């Protein structure tokens, strides 16, 4: 089982035969999950900096048991060169699992 952190989810991250096995769980509150063991596939440098993870433009294909924390920015777009979250913006965390 691998745990990933991403700023987006794409259907390309799942094999066609596994599409019906993808589960999405929106989290409550604004607290970030523990990402200390997560493999980053955050491909946007500013988003990675704000999240405190490595910027890594890698291809991911989820397999059974994998989990992915998706940080969905709400409230706007990060200004170029951001290292901290602008006021009024936040990340909504969604857990994606391949069951």
Foldseek 3Di string as FASTA:
>chain_A
DAEAEEQDDDPQQEDPVQPVQKDKDWDDDFDDDPCVRHHYCYQDVQVCLQVVHDRHPDRHHDDAPYKYKHWHKPDDDDDPPHNHDDPPIGTTIMMMHRD
